[in-house]
């Protein structure tokens, strides 16, 4: 019983010492704020209809460029 108490105390103390070293986010700082958009068109969509869809998406995103929301598009 004494051995398990010592082990538990050691584990708790080690956890308390190492906890500040663990990153507090799930993603590294250099990856935050970035995302990739993958667009999938309906089955059988041709190039012209996909291009039209991408132009509509771009038109919705362009107003945010340079406003602190998007850095590049």
C-alpha atoms as a PDB file:
ATOM      1  CA  UNK A   1       0.000   0.000   0.000  1.00  0.00           C
ATOM      2  CA  UNK A   2       2.855   2.377   0.839  1.00  0.00           C
ATOM      3  CA  UNK A   3       4.516   1.738  -2.549  1.00  0.00           C
ATOM      4  CA  UNK A   4       1.354   2.647  -4.451  1.00  0.00           C
ATOM      5  CA  UNK A   5       0.960   5.843  -2.384  1.00  0.00           C
ATOM      6  CA  UNK A   6       4.536   6.854  -3.193  1.00  0.00           C
ATOM      7  CA  UNK A   7       3.982   6.111  -6.884  1.00  0.00           C
ATOM      8  CA  UNK A   8       0.745   8.105  -6.927  1.00  0.00           C
ATOM      9  CA  UNK A   9       2.407  11.025  -5.147  1.00  0.00           C
ATOM     10  CA  UNK A  10       5.367  10.949  -7.520  1.00  0.00           C
ATOM     11  CA  UNK A  11       3.053  10.854 -10.558  1.00  0.00           C
ATOM     12  CA  UNK A  12       0.993  13.750  -9.239  1.00  0.00           C
ATOM     13  CA  UNK A  13       4.097  15.831  -8.502  1.00  0.00           C
ATOM     14  CA  UNK A  14       5.610  15.087 -11.903  1.00  0.00           C
ATOM     15  CA  UNK A  15       2.343  16.026 -13.589  1.00  0.00           C
ATOM     16  CA  UNK A  16       2.243  19.327 -11.704  1.00  0.00           C
ATOM     17  CA  UNK A  17       5.820  20.116 -12.777  1.00  0.00           C
ATOM     18  CA  UNK A  18       5.371  19.178 -16.436  1.00  0.00           C
ATOM     19  CA  UNK A  19       1.880  20.619 -17.014  1.00  0.00           C
ATOM     20  CA  UNK A  20       3.114  24.176 -17.818  1.00  0.00           C
ATOM     21  CA  UNK A  21       5.288  22.731 -20.605  1.00  0.00           C
ATOM     22  CA  UNK A  22       2.346  21.198 -22.459  1.00  0.00           C
ATOM     23  CA  UNK A  23       1.040  23.365 -25.323  1.00  0.00           C
ATOM     24  CA  UNK A  24      -2.426  24.711 -24.542  1.00  0.00           C
ATOM     25  CA  UNK A  25      -3.787  24.445 -28.086  1.00  0.00           C
ATOM     26  CA  UNK A  26      -4.317  21.510 -30.408  1.00  0.00           C
ATOM     27  CA  UNK A  27      -2.664  23.234 -33.364  1.00  0.00           C
ATOM     28  CA  UNK A  28       0.719  24.899 -33.547  1.00  0.00           C
ATOM     29  CA  UNK A  29       0.727  28.707 -33.597  1.00  0.00           C
ATOM     30  CA  UNK A  30       1.866  28.849 -37.221  1.00  0.00           C
ATOM     31  CA  UNK A  31      -1.221  26.918 -38.370  1.00  0.00           C
ATOM     32  CA  UNK A  32      -3.866  28.944 -36.557  1.00  0.00           C
ATOM     33  CA  UNK A  33      -6.067  31.123 -38.702  1.00  0.00           C
ATOM     34  CA  UNK A  34      -5.622  29.129 -41.865  1.00  0.00           C
ATOM     35  CA  UNK A  35      -8.046  26.842 -43.553  1.00  0.00           C
ATOM     36  CA  UNK A  36      -8.361  25.179 -46.910  1.00  0.00           C
ATOM     37  CA  UNK A  37     -11.654  25.048 -48.729  1.00  0.00           C
ATOM     38  CA  UNK A  38     -12.305  21.894 -50.724  1.00  0.00           C
ATOM     39  CA  UNK A  39     -15.237  22.295 -53.046  1.00  0.00           C
ATOM     40  CA  UNK A  40     -16.974  19.353 -54.616  1.00  0.00           C
ATOM     41  CA  UNK A  41     -19.525  19.882 -57.333  1.00  0.00           C
ATOM     42  CA  UNK A  42     -22.510  17.737 -58.156  1.00  0.00           C
ATOM     43  CA  UNK A  43     -21.908  14.570 -60.113  1.00  0.00           C
ATOM     44  CA  UNK A  44     -21.696  15.309 -63.817  1.00  0.00           C
ATOM     45  CA  UNK A  45     -20.867  19.002 -63.326  1.00  0.00           C
ATOM     46  CA  UNK A  46     -18.850  20.374 -66.216  1.00  0.00           C
ATOM     47  CA  UNK A  47     -15.963  22.801 -66.082  1.00  0.00           C
ATOM     48  CA  UNK A  48     -18.075  25.863 -66.906  1.00  0.00           C
ATOM     49  CA  UNK A  49     -20.567  25.259 -64.082  1.00  0.00           C
ATOM     50  CA  UNK A  50     -17.738  24.660 -61.574  1.00  0.00           C
ATOM     51  CA  UNK A  51     -15.982  27.810 -62.743  1.00  0.00           C
ATOM     52  CA  UNK A  52     -19.230  29.766 -62.260  1.00  0.00           C
ATOM     53  CA  UNK A  53     -19.579  28.354 -58.731  1.00  0.00           C
ATOM     54  CA  UNK A  54     -15.982  29.280 -57.892  1.00  0.00           C
ATOM     55  CA  UNK A  55     -16.484  32.804 -59.184  1.00  0.00           C
ATOM     56  CA  UNK A  56     -19.543  33.173 -56.931  1.00  0.00           C
ATOM     57  CA  UNK A  57     -17.557  31.901 -53.941  1.00  0.00           C
ATOM     58  CA  UNK A  58     -14.694  34.234 -54.755  1.00  0.00           C
ATOM     59  CA  UNK A  59     -17.105  37.179 -55.034  1.00  0.00           C
ATOM     60  CA  UNK A  60     -18.375  36.434 -51.518  1.00  0.00           C
ATOM     61  CA  UNK A  61     -14.861  36.192 -50.076  1.00  0.00           C
ATOM     62  CA  UNK A  62     -13.181  39.116 -51.862  1.00  0.00           C
ATOM     63  CA  UNK A  63     -14.848  41.864 -49.761  1.00  0.00           C
ATOM     64  CA  UNK A  64     -13.102  40.392 -46.691  1.00  0.00           C
ATOM     65  CA  UNK A  65      -9.654  40.608 -48.292  1.00  0.00           C
ATOM     66  CA  UNK A  66      -7.592  43.311 -46.612  1.00  0.00           C
ATOM     67  CA  UNK A  67     -10.146  43.801 -43.819  1.00  0.00           C
ATOM     68  CA  UNK A  68      -8.225  41.699 -41.314  1.00  0.00           C
ATOM     69  CA  UNK A  69     -10.247  38.609 -42.114  1.00  0.00           C
ATOM     70  CA  UNK A  70      -8.362  37.312 -45.163  1.00  0.00           C
ATOM     71  CA  UNK A  71      -4.707  37.875 -45.992  1.00  0.00           C
ATOM     72  CA  UNK A  72      -4.814  36.256 -49.409  1.00  0.00           C
ATOM     73  CA  UNK A  73      -7.222  34.423 -51.639  1.00  0.00           C
END
